[in-house]
C-alpha atoms as a PDB file:
ATOM      1  CA  UNK A   1      50.239  45.489  54.314  1.00  0.00           C
ATOM      2  CA  UNK A   2      50.677  43.495  57.507  1.00  0.00           C
ATOM      3  CA  UNK A   3      48.305  44.293  60.406  1.00  0.00           C
ATOM      4  CA  UNK A   4      49.404  44.051  64.064  1.00  0.00           C
ATOM      5  CA  UNK A   5      46.690  42.486  66.053  1.00  0.00           C
ATOM      6  CA  UNK A   6      46.077  44.325  69.381  1.00  0.00           C
ATOM      7  CA  UNK A   7      44.663  42.201  72.169  1.00  0.00           C
ATOM      8  CA  UNK A   8      41.324  43.503  73.416  1.00  0.00           C
ATOM      9  CA  UNK A   9      40.962  44.944  77.106  1.00  0.00           C
ATOM     10  CA  UNK A  10      38.935  42.846  79.767  1.00  0.00           C
ATOM     11  CA  UNK A  11      36.095  45.178  79.325  1.00  0.00           C
ATOM     12  CA  UNK A  12      36.127  44.876  75.392  1.00  0.00           C
ATOM     13  CA  UNK A  13      36.344  41.102  75.584  1.00  0.00           C
ATOM     14  CA  UNK A  14      33.454  40.923  77.816  1.00  0.00           C
ATOM     15  CA  UNK A  15      31.439  43.246  75.618  1.00  0.00           C
ATOM     16  CA  UNK A  16      32.152  40.972  72.644  1.00  0.00           C
ATOM     17  CA  UNK A  17      31.395  37.747  74.460  1.00  0.00           C
ATOM     18  CA  UNK A  18      28.095  39.453  75.426  1.00  0.00           C
ATOM     19  CA  UNK A  19      27.276  40.626  71.859  1.00  0.00           C
ATOM     20  CA  UNK A  20      28.188  37.063  70.506  1.00  0.00           C
ATOM     21  CA  UNK A  21      25.664  35.599  73.087  1.00  0.00           C
ATOM     22  CA  UNK A  22      22.972  38.187  71.720  1.00  0.00           C
ATOM     23  CA  UNK A  23      22.809  39.781  74.988  1.00  0.00           C
ATOM     24  CA  UNK A  24      24.087  43.234  73.490  1.00  0.00           C
ATOM     25  CA  UNK A  25      25.728  45.870  75.296  1.00  0.00           C
ATOM     26  CA  UNK A  26      24.940  49.180  77.013  1.00  0.00           C
ATOM     27  CA  UNK A  27      24.360  51.055  73.797  1.00  0.00           C
ATOM     28  CA  UNK A  28      22.338  48.243  72.276  1.00  0.00           C
ATOM     29  CA  UNK A  29      20.002  48.241  75.360  1.00  0.00           C
ATOM     30  CA  UNK A  30      19.209  51.654  75.000  1.00  0.00           C
ATOM     31  CA  UNK A  31      18.598  51.827  71.303  1.00  0.00           C
ATOM     32  CA  UNK A  32      15.222  50.405  69.995  1.00  0.00           C
ATOM     33  CA  UNK A  33      15.453  48.154  67.131  1.00  0.00           C
ATOM     34  CA  UNK A  34      14.024  48.829  63.592  1.00  0.00           C
ATOM     35  CA  UNK A  35      10.158  47.704  63.601  1.00  0.00           C
ATOM     36  CA  UNK A  36       8.701  46.646  60.310  1.00  0.00           C
ATOM     37  CA  UNK A  37       5.655  48.983  59.634  1.00  0.00           C
ATOM     38  CA  UNK A  38       2.153  47.437  58.797  1.00  0.00           C
ATOM     39  CA  UNK A  39       1.671  46.398  55.288  1.00  0.00           C
ATOM     40  CA  UNK A  40      -0.654  48.115  53.140  1.00  0.00           C
ATOM     41  CA  UNK A  41      -2.523  51.393  53.598  1.00  0.00           C
ATOM     42  CA  UNK A  42      -0.586  54.566  53.764  1.00  0.00           C
ATOM     43  CA  UNK A  43       3.082  55.575  55.206  1.00  0.00           C
ATOM     44  CA  UNK A  44       4.731  58.801  55.815  1.00  0.00           C
ATOM     45  CA  UNK A  45       6.995  60.022  53.175  1.00  0.00           C
ATOM     46  CA  UNK A  46      10.914  59.095  53.743  1.00  0.00           C
ATOM     47  CA  UNK A  47      13.341  62.317  54.080  1.00  0.00           C
ATOM     48  CA  UNK A  48      14.580  61.557  50.490  1.00  0.00           C
ATOM     49  CA  UNK A  49      10.854  61.566  48.904  1.00  0.00           C
ATOM     50  CA  UNK A  50      10.256  64.722  50.889  1.00  0.00           C
ATOM     51  CA  UNK A  51      13.319  66.272  49.463  1.00  0.00           C
ATOM     52  CA  UNK A  52      12.392  65.235  45.640  1.00  0.00           C
ATOM     53  CA  UNK A  53       8.641  66.387  46.080  1.00  0.00           C
ATOM     54  CA  UNK A  54       9.959  69.846  47.598  1.00  0.00           C
ATOM     55  CA  UNK A  55      12.154  70.526  44.498  1.00  0.00           C
ATOM     56  CA  UNK A  56       9.461  69.631  42.050  1.00  0.00           C
ATOM     57  CA  UNK A  57       7.165  72.120  44.044  1.00  0.00           C
ATOM     58  CA  UNK A  58       9.793  74.824  43.647  1.00  0.00           C
ATOM     59  CA  UNK A  59      10.098  74.406  39.958  1.00  0.00           C
ATOM     60  CA  UNK A  60       6.904  73.508  38.544  1.00  0.00           C
ATOM     61  CA  UNK A  61       6.835  71.960  34.765  1.00  0.00           C
ATOM     62  CA  UNK A  62      10.116  70.369  34.941  1.00  0.00           C
ATOM     63  CA  UNK A  63      10.704  66.807  34.132  1.00  0.00           C
ATOM     64  CA  UNK A  64      10.971  64.481  36.929  1.00  0.00           C
ATOM     65  CA  UNK A  65      14.636  64.663  38.258  1.00  0.00           C
ATOM     66  CA  UNK A  66      15.105  60.874  39.285  1.00  0.00           C
ATOM     67  CA  UNK A  67      13.564  59.168  36.295  1.00  0.00           C
ATOM     68  CA  UNK A  68      15.917  57.120  34.168  1.00  0.00           C
ATOM     69  CA  UNK A  69      14.758  55.537  30.680  1.00  0.00           C
ATOM     70  CA  UNK A  70      16.757  52.614  29.287  1.00  0.00           C
ATOM     71  CA  UNK A  71      16.149  50.645  26.384  1.00  0.00           C
ATOM     72  CA  UNK A  72      17.097  47.088  25.997  1.00  0.00           C
ATOM     73  CA  UNK A  73      17.396  45.499  22.537  1.00  0.00           C
ATOM     74  CA  UNK A  74      16.987  41.753  22.444  1.00  0.00           C
ATOM     75  CA  UNK A  75      17.103  39.616  19.561  1.00  0.00           C
ATOM     76  CA  UNK A  76      14.227  37.492  18.705  1.00  0.00           C
ATOM     77  CA  UNK A  77      10.518  37.382  19.168  1.00  0.00           C
ATOM     78  CA  UNK A  78       8.936  38.751  22.514  1.00  0.00           C
ATOM     79  CA  UNK A  79       7.607  36.010  24.694  1.00  0.00           C
ATOM     80  CA  UNK A  80       4.628  37.923  26.248  1.00  0.00           C
ATOM     81  CA  UNK A  81       3.527  35.640  28.763  1.00  0.00           C
ATOM     82  CA  UNK A  82       6.735  35.158  30.639  1.00  0.00           C
ATOM     83  CA  UNK A  83       7.610  38.732  30.736  1.00  0.00           C
ATOM     84  CA  UNK A  84       3.820  39.657  31.959  1.00  0.00           C
ATOM     85  CA  UNK A  85       4.722  36.954  34.788  1.00  0.00           C
ATOM     86  CA  UNK A  86       8.013  38.222  35.784  1.00  0.00           C
ATOM     87  CA  UNK A  87       6.597  41.755  35.900  1.00  0.00           C
ATOM     88  CA  UNK A  88       3.704  40.756  37.914  1.00  0.00           C
ATOM     89  CA  UNK A  89       6.308  39.147  40.498  1.00  0.00           C
ATOM     90  CA  UNK A  90       8.318  42.477  40.593  1.00  0.00           C
ATOM     91  CA  UNK A  91       5.441  44.709  41.365  1.00  0.00           C
ATOM     92  CA  UNK A  92       4.129  42.061  43.874  1.00  0.00           C
ATOM     93  CA  UNK A  93       7.295  42.132  45.813  1.00  0.00           C
ATOM     94  CA  UNK A  94       8.367  45.655  45.374  1.00  0.00           C
ATOM     95  CA  UNK A  95       5.821  48.255  47.155  1.00  0.00           C
ATOM     96  CA  UNK A  96       7.408  51.103  45.384  1.00  0.00           C
ATOM     97  CA  UNK A  97       5.948  49.978  42.191  1.00  0.00           C
ATOM     98  CA  UNK A  98       2.655  50.445  43.644  1.00  0.00           C
ATOM     99  CA  UNK A  99       3.318  53.607  45.506  1.00  0.00           C
ATOM    100  CA  UNK A 100       1.684  56.928  44.721  1.00  0.00           C
ATOM    101  CA  UNK A 101       1.693  60.146  46.887  1.00  0.00           C
ATOM    102  CA  UNK A 102      -1.618  61.332  48.219  1.00  0.00           C
ATOM    103  CA  UNK A 103      -2.587  64.110  50.878  1.00  0.00           C
ATOM    104  CA  UNK A 104      -4.209  63.622  54.209  1.00  0.00           C
ATOM    105  CA  UNK A 105      -5.136  66.802  56.076  1.00  0.00           C
ATOM    106  CA  UNK A 106      -2.220  69.066  54.122  1.00  0.00           C
ATOM    107  CA  UNK A 107       0.332  66.186  54.905  1.00  0.00           C
ATOM    108  CA  UNK A 108       1.503  64.046  52.140  1.00  0.00           C
ATOM    109  CA  UNK A 109       1.679  60.510  52.539  1.00  0.00           C
ATOM    110  CA  UNK A 110       2.805  57.286  50.383  1.00  0.00           C
ATOM    111  CA  UNK A 111      -0.242  55.398  49.443  1.00  0.00           C
ATOM    112  CA  UNK A 112       0.719  51.756  48.614  1.00  0.00           C
ATOM    113  CA  UNK A 113      -1.879  49.931  46.665  1.00  0.00           C
ATOM    114  CA  UNK A 114      -2.296  46.118  46.736  1.00  0.00           C
ATOM    115  CA  UNK A 115      -0.702  44.262  44.080  1.00  0.00           C
ATOM    116  CA  UNK A 116      -2.573  43.575  41.030  1.00  0.00           C
ATOM    117  CA  UNK A 117      -3.244  39.904  40.014  1.00  0.00           C
ATOM    118  CA  UNK A 118      -1.731  40.379  36.743  1.00  0.00           C
ATOM    119  CA  UNK A 119       0.623  43.026  34.839  1.00  0.00           C
ATOM    120  CA  UNK A 120      -0.362  42.948  31.250  1.00  0.00           C
ATOM    121  CA  UNK A 121       1.334  44.583  28.232  1.00  0.00           C
ATOM    122  CA  UNK A 122      -0.665  46.475  25.886  1.00  0.00           C
ATOM    123  CA  UNK A 123      -1.308  44.653  22.663  1.00  0.00           C
ATOM    124  CA  UNK A 124       0.203  47.483  20.602  1.00  0.00           C
ATOM    125  CA  UNK A 125       3.459  47.088  22.421  1.00  0.00           C
ATOM    126  CA  UNK A 126       3.524  43.517  21.971  1.00  0.00           C
ATOM    127  CA  UNK A 127       2.795  43.766  18.245  1.00  0.00           C
ATOM    128  CA  UNK A 128       5.488  46.389  18.006  1.00  0.00           C
ATOM    129  CA  UNK A 129       8.088  44.189  19.660  1.00  0.00           C
ATOM    130  CA  UNK A 130       7.458  40.917  17.420  1.00  0.00           C
END
């Protein structure tokens, strides 16, 4: 479908030029940027995490709502060392794999553990897979 180009007004052209120069506009000047939080330690729960925990508190004993199990069948022997290195790197890069929930004076927090030096697989799992 052909689209028709509409020329920008002088005010919008000026705003576009300022944005391209990195100067921002009136709205950009009023809105603070997203600041990364300090690494490690505890962090407040996100809105989505609060919702999930609230639902689980409302109906105790139900299985976790957002867990998903996947089985991958791969031919050939399991190469334990490369798999452990890959899992270690995933856990190092992504805090969510190291996050638990803990209380602080009645307020739940995300508690983010430091990355482990190595993620190992249980020998029974490796023996079964080979």
